[in-house]
């Protein structure tokens, strides 16, 4: 029973770390990156659809992304969705077949804003991991009548070590992203 609770906590924490890394990749650095466009939702025939399902994304130059829609009738909707995306600062141009998105050069002030944004996302991820720990500890406490005090204490130590490892992983990813953002 203890192993099940710990395995479930580990799997959920792994997913939280992956979600945090994915969130970090959507924040723009000096280079254009198709990952930045993964979370953009386009109003496609009345339903919000991820941009990646509507178009291919290519990165021919350092600050340019080419968006080639699979359905040409979605060009206007894709262009509007990119234009309306906060924290991107991009002005897409539509030539009738594809959309060219040129990202402006990041200023030092903008880079610092992005570092703050990434730190906030990192803190949210760590809070989520700690929430998983709290729920798992409650599950272990519920097993208290079935297991001994020593086993419960050992399981809590394992849970704390698991939590610490996942928080450290988030911190490492956060440091890498900060360095990437501040690099000129």
Protein backbone atom coordinates (compact mmCIF):
# COMPACT_ATOMS: atom_id res chain seq x y z
CA UNK A 1 0.00 0.00 0.00
CA UNK A 2 2.82 2.41 0.87
CA UNK A 3 4.59 1.60 -2.38
CA UNK A 4 1.41 2.39 -4.33
CA UNK A 5 1.04 5.79 -2.67
CA UNK A 6 4.70 6.63 -3.30
CA UNK A 7 4.59 5.40 -6.91
CA UNK A 8 1.47 7.46 -7.59
CA UNK A 9 3.05 10.54 -6.01
CA UNK A 10 6.22 10.06 -8.07
CA UNK A 11 4.28 9.71 -11.32
CA UNK A 12 2.18 12.80 -10.59
CA UNK A 13 5.27 14.80 -9.64
CA UNK A 14 7.00 13.69 -12.87
CA UNK A 15 4.03 15.01 -14.85
CA UNK A 16 4.18 18.31 -12.91
CA UNK A 17 7.89 18.68 -13.74
CA UNK A 18 7.25 17.95 -17.43
CA UNK A 19 4.42 20.49 -17.46
CA UNK A 20 6.75 23.08 -15.92
CA UNK A 21 9.45 22.41 -18.53
CA UNK A 22 6.83 22.71 -21.27
CA UNK A 23 5.66 25.99 -19.74
CA UNK A 24 9.22 27.28 -19.69
CA UNK A 25 9.65 26.44 -23.36
CA UNK A 26 6.70 28.66 -24.30
CA UNK A 27 8.50 31.74 -22.94
CA UNK A 28 10.41 33.42 -25.69
CA UNK A 29 14.17 33.83 -25.61
CA UNK A 30 16.35 35.71 -28.11
CA UNK A 31 15.76 33.05 -30.77
CA UNK A 32 12.47 32.17 -32.40
CA UNK A 33 11.34 28.72 -31.32
CA UNK A 34 8.28 26.82 -32.60
CA UNK A 35 7.63 25.68 -28.98
CA UNK A 36 6.55 29.24 -28.19
CA UNK A 37 3.52 28.72 -30.42
CA UNK A 38 2.38 25.39 -28.92
CA UNK A 39 -0.09 26.94 -26.46
CA UNK A 40 -1.70 29.34 -28.96
CA UNK A 41 -5.37 28.52 -29.49
CA UNK A 42 -7.00 29.52 -32.78
CA UNK A 43 -10.74 30.03 -33.15
CA UNK A 44 -11.26 27.51 -35.95
CA UNK A 45 -14.91 27.23 -37.00
CA UNK A 46 -16.07 28.22 -33.53
CA UNK A 47 -13.88 25.92 -31.45
CA UNK A 48 -10.49 26.73 -29.91
CA UNK A 49 -7.91 24.57 -31.66
CA UNK A 50 -4.15 24.40 -30.93
CA UNK A 51 -2.10 26.07 -33.66
CA UNK A 52 0.06 22.94 -34.08
CA UNK A 53 -3.04 21.04 -35.30
CA UNK A 54 -3.82 23.69 -37.93
CA UNK A 55 -0.40 24.49 -39.37
CA UNK A 56 3.22 23.47 -39.66
CA UNK A 57 5.81 25.67 -37.98
CA UNK A 58 9.28 26.20 -39.44
CA UNK A 59 12.21 28.18 -38.10
CA UNK A 60 14.29 29.30 -41.13
CA UNK A 61 16.11 32.14 -39.34
CA UNK A 62 17.03 33.06 -35.78
CA UNK A 63 14.09 35.43 -35.22
CA UNK A 64 11.58 34.21 -37.84
CA UNK A 65 8.89 31.54 -37.75
CA UNK A 66 6.99 30.50 -40.87
CA UNK A 67 3.46 29.24 -40.19
CA UNK A 68 2.02 27.24 -43.09
CA UNK A 69 -1.65 26.38 -42.51
CA UNK A 70 -3.02 23.07 -43.72
CA UNK A 71 -6.29 24.84 -44.55
CA UNK A 72 -5.84 28.22 -46.28
CA UNK A 73 -9.22 29.42 -44.98
CA UNK A 74 -7.73 29.48 -41.47
CA UNK A 75 -5.06 32.07 -42.38
CA UNK A 76 -6.91 35.08 -40.95
CA UNK A 77 -7.85 33.27 -37.72
CA UNK A 78 -4.26 32.05 -37.19
CA UNK A 79 -2.86 35.52 -37.87
CA UNK A 80 -5.30 37.07 -35.37
CA UNK A 81 -4.52 34.45 -32.69
CA UNK A 82 -0.76 35.09 -33.02
CA UNK A 83 -1.30 38.85 -32.91
CA UNK A 84 -3.49 38.56 -29.78
CA UNK A 85 -1.03 36.36 -27.88
CA UNK A 86 0.45 38.26 -24.93
CA UNK A 87 4.19 38.04 -24.13
CA UNK A 88 5.03 37.27 -27.76
CA UNK A 89 5.36 40.83 -29.08
CA UNK A 90 5.10 39.60 -32.65
CA UNK A 91 3.42 41.17 -35.64
CA UNK A 92 2.59 38.45 -38.16
CA UNK A 93 2.41 39.15 -41.90
CA UNK A 94 0.12 37.17 -44.16
CA UNK A 95 1.01 36.73 -47.85
CA UNK A 96 -2.04 34.61 -48.73
CA UNK A 97 -0.27 31.25 -48.46
CA UNK A 98 1.67 31.43 -45.23
CA UNK A 99 2.24 33.64 -42.23
CA UNK A 100 5.69 35.02 -41.48
CA UNK A 101 6.24 35.94 -37.83
CA UNK A 102 9.33 38.04 -37.15
CA UNK A 103 10.05 38.49 -33.47
CA UNK A 104 11.56 41.79 -32.41
CA UNK A 105 14.92 41.88 -30.63
CA UNK A 106 14.53 41.56 -26.87
CA UNK A 107 15.51 44.56 -24.79
CA UNK A 108 17.17 44.10 -21.40
CA UNK A 109 13.99 45.28 -19.68
CA UNK A 110 11.89 42.75 -21.62
CA UNK A 111 14.35 39.97 -20.77
CA UNK A 112 14.01 40.78 -17.08
CA UNK A 113 10.20 40.69 -17.41
CA UNK A 114 10.47 37.24 -18.97
CA UNK A 115 12.77 36.09 -16.14
CA UNK A 116 10.10 37.21 -13.64
CA UNK A 117 7.45 35.35 -15.65
CA UNK A 118 9.54 32.16 -15.72
CA UNK A 119 10.22 32.41 -11.98
CA UNK A 120 6.48 32.72 -11.35
CA UNK A 121 5.82 29.65 -13.51
CA UNK A 122 8.56 27.78 -11.63
CA UNK A 123 7.13 28.72 -8.25
CA UNK A 124 3.66 27.60 -9.39
CA UNK A 125 5.12 24.24 -10.43
CA UNK A 126 6.88 23.82 -7.07
CA UNK A 127 3.63 24.66 -5.25
CA UNK A 128 1.89 22.00 -7.34
CA UNK A 129 4.55 19.40 -6.43
CA UNK A 130 4.18 20.30 -2.75
CA UNK A 131 0.41 19.94 -3.09
CA UNK A 132 0.93 16.42 -4.44
CA UNK A 133 3.18 15.73 -1.45
CA UNK A 134 0.51 16.97 0.96
CA UNK A 135 -2.17 14.78 -0.64
CA UNK A 136 0.15 11.75 -0.58
CA UNK A 137 1.01 12.39 3.08
CA UNK A 138 -2.73 12.45 3.86
CA UNK A 139 -3.07 9.12 2.03
CA UNK A 140 -0.21 7.69 4.12
CA UNK A 141 -1.78 9.00 7.34
CA UNK A 142 -5.01 7.23 6.37
CA UNK A 143 -3.03 3.96 6.28
CA UNK A 144 -1.74 4.56 9.81
CA UNK A 145 -4.05 1.97 11.37
CA UNK A 146 -2.87 -0.73 8.90
CA UNK A 147 0.87 -0.08 9.18
CA UNK A 148 3.28 0.61 12.00
CA UNK A 149 4.69 3.96 13.10
CA UNK A 150 8.18 3.04 11.86
CA UNK A 151 6.93 2.16 8.38
CA UNK A 152 4.92 5.39 8.26
CA UNK A 153 7.98 7.45 9.27
CA UNK A 154 10.12 5.69 6.62
CA UNK A 155 7.46 6.30 3.96
CA UNK A 156 7.24 9.99 4.88
CA UNK A 157 11.03 10.31 4.57
CA UNK A 158 10.87 8.70 1.12
CA UNK A 159 8.06 11.06 0.15
CA UNK A 160 10.10 14.06 1.34
CA UNK A 161 13.13 12.88 -0.65
CA UNK A 162 10.94 12.40 -3.73
CA UNK A 163 9.51 15.90 -3.32
CA UNK A 164 12.96 17.42 -2.82
CA UNK A 165 14.27 15.70 -5.97
CA UNK A 166 11.40 17.01 -8.09
CA UNK A 167 11.67 20.56 -6.69
CA UNK A 168 15.42 20.48 -7.43
CA UNK A 169 14.69 19.37 -11.00
CA UNK A 170 12.32 22.33 -11.44
CA UNK A 171 14.97 24.67 -9.97
CA UNK A 172 17.60 23.36 -12.43
CA UNK A 173 15.27 23.85 -15.41
CA UNK A 174 14.46 27.34 -14.11
CA UNK A 175 18.16 28.25 -13.85
CA UNK A 176 18.82 27.01 -17.40
CA UNK A 177 15.91 29.07 -18.73
CA UNK A 178 17.05 32.19 -16.85
CA UNK A 179 20.54 31.87 -18.32
CA UNK A 180 19.03 31.38 -21.77
CA UNK A 181 16.82 34.47 -21.33
CA UNK A 182 19.60 36.75 -20.10
CA UNK A 183 22.03 35.63 -22.82
CA UNK A 184 22.44 38.33 -25.47
